[in-house]
Amino acid sequence: MKTIKKQLTIDIEMNPKEVAYLFQKMDDSEQAEFFNHLADFINTWDSPFVFQLQGICDSKILTSHARKVMAEIGNYSQEGL
């Protein structure tokens, strides 16, 4: 019997909850790599990242707990500078 090979391309769209789930499953090195890649993407943007941060902070759906997580990331990230 002859085997037929097929190559498939699958597009996957993820929502924010799914991305957050994947992030929390990463270890510390993978999460650091995530932020490295995010920084690389941000470097290609036309506007500074602070504009995006302001948009996030102004969002009516951002919870106080999520804002605290963002603040903790900011506080801890300053220690290595």
Protein backbone atom coordinates (compact mmCIF):
# COMPACT_ATOMS: atom_id res chain seq x y z
CA MET A 1 0.00 0.00 0.00
CA LYS A 2 1.35 3.40 -0.97
CA THR A 3 1.33 6.19 1.63
CA ILE A 4 0.13 9.64 0.70
CA LYS A 5 1.69 12.53 2.60
CA LYS A 6 -0.19 15.77 3.18
CA GLN A 7 1.01 18.97 4.73
CA LEU A 8 -1.64 20.88 6.64
CA THR A 9 -1.55 24.46 7.81
CA ILE A 10 -3.63 25.22 10.86
CA ASP A 11 -4.38 28.76 12.00
CA ILE A 12 -5.05 29.04 15.71
CA GLU A 13 -6.46 32.15 17.28
CA MET A 14 -6.22 32.44 21.04
CA ASN A 15 -8.16 34.67 23.37
CA PRO A 16 -6.55 36.54 26.29
CA LYS A 17 -7.61 33.90 28.82
CA GLU A 18 -5.89 31.15 26.80
CA VAL A 19 -2.70 33.22 26.47
CA ALA A 20 -2.74 33.88 30.23
CA TYR A 21 -3.20 30.16 30.90
CA LEU A 22 -0.19 29.32 28.75
CA PHE A 23 1.87 32.04 30.46
CA GLN A 24 1.11 30.71 33.94
CA LYS A 25 2.10 27.19 32.85
CA MET A 26 5.59 28.42 31.84
CA ASP A 27 8.57 28.19 34.15
CA ASP A 28 10.58 31.28 35.10
CA SER A 29 12.95 31.00 32.12
CA GLU A 30 10.10 30.63 29.65
CA GLN A 31 8.30 33.61 31.16
CA ALA A 32 11.51 35.66 30.89
CA GLU A 33 11.79 34.56 27.25
CA PHE A 34 8.16 35.65 26.73
CA PHE A 35 9.02 39.15 27.94
CA ASN A 36 12.14 39.19 25.76
CA HIS A 37 10.02 38.42 22.69
CA LEU A 38 7.39 40.95 23.75
CA ALA A 39 10.12 43.60 24.01
CA ASP A 40 11.30 42.67 20.50
CA PHE A 41 7.79 43.08 19.11
CA ILE A 42 7.33 46.40 20.91
CA ASN A 43 10.53 47.70 19.30
CA THR A 44 8.78 47.45 15.93
CA TRP A 45 5.79 49.57 16.97
CA ASP A 46 5.30 53.10 15.68
CA SER A 47 4.25 54.41 19.11
CA PRO A 48 5.99 54.06 22.48
CA PHE A 49 4.84 51.23 24.74
CA VAL A 50 3.68 53.73 27.37
CA PHE A 51 0.73 54.59 25.13
CA GLN A 52 -0.36 50.95 25.24
CA LEU A 53 0.13 50.83 29.00
CA GLN A 54 -2.04 53.92 29.38
CA GLY A 55 -4.73 52.28 27.28
CA ILE A 56 -4.60 49.17 29.47
CA CYS A 57 -4.83 51.24 32.66
CA ASP A 58 -7.74 53.26 31.26
CA SER A 59 -9.65 50.12 30.26
CA LYS A 60 -12.87 49.66 32.16
CA ILE A 61 -12.38 45.88 32.25
CA LEU A 62 -9.00 45.97 34.06
CA THR A 63 -9.63 44.70 37.60
CA SER A 64 -7.91 46.04 40.69
CA HIS A 65 -6.24 42.65 41.18
CA ALA A 66 -4.86 42.73 37.62
CA ARG A 67 -3.60 46.28 38.21
CA LYS A 68 -1.79 44.99 41.32
CA VAL A 69 -0.16 42.20 39.26
CA MET A 70 1.03 44.82 36.75
CA ALA A 71 2.44 46.92 39.61
CA GLU A 72 4.26 43.92 41.08
CA ILE A 73 5.85 43.15 37.71
CA GLY A 74 6.95 46.78 37.49
CA ASN A 75 8.34 46.83 41.03
CA TYR A 76 10.28 43.58 40.72
CA SER A 77 11.61 44.42 37.28
CA GLN A 78 13.27 47.57 38.66
CA GLU A 79 15.47 45.58 41.04
CA GLY A 80 17.83 44.41 38.31
CA LEU A 81 18.40 47.86 36.77
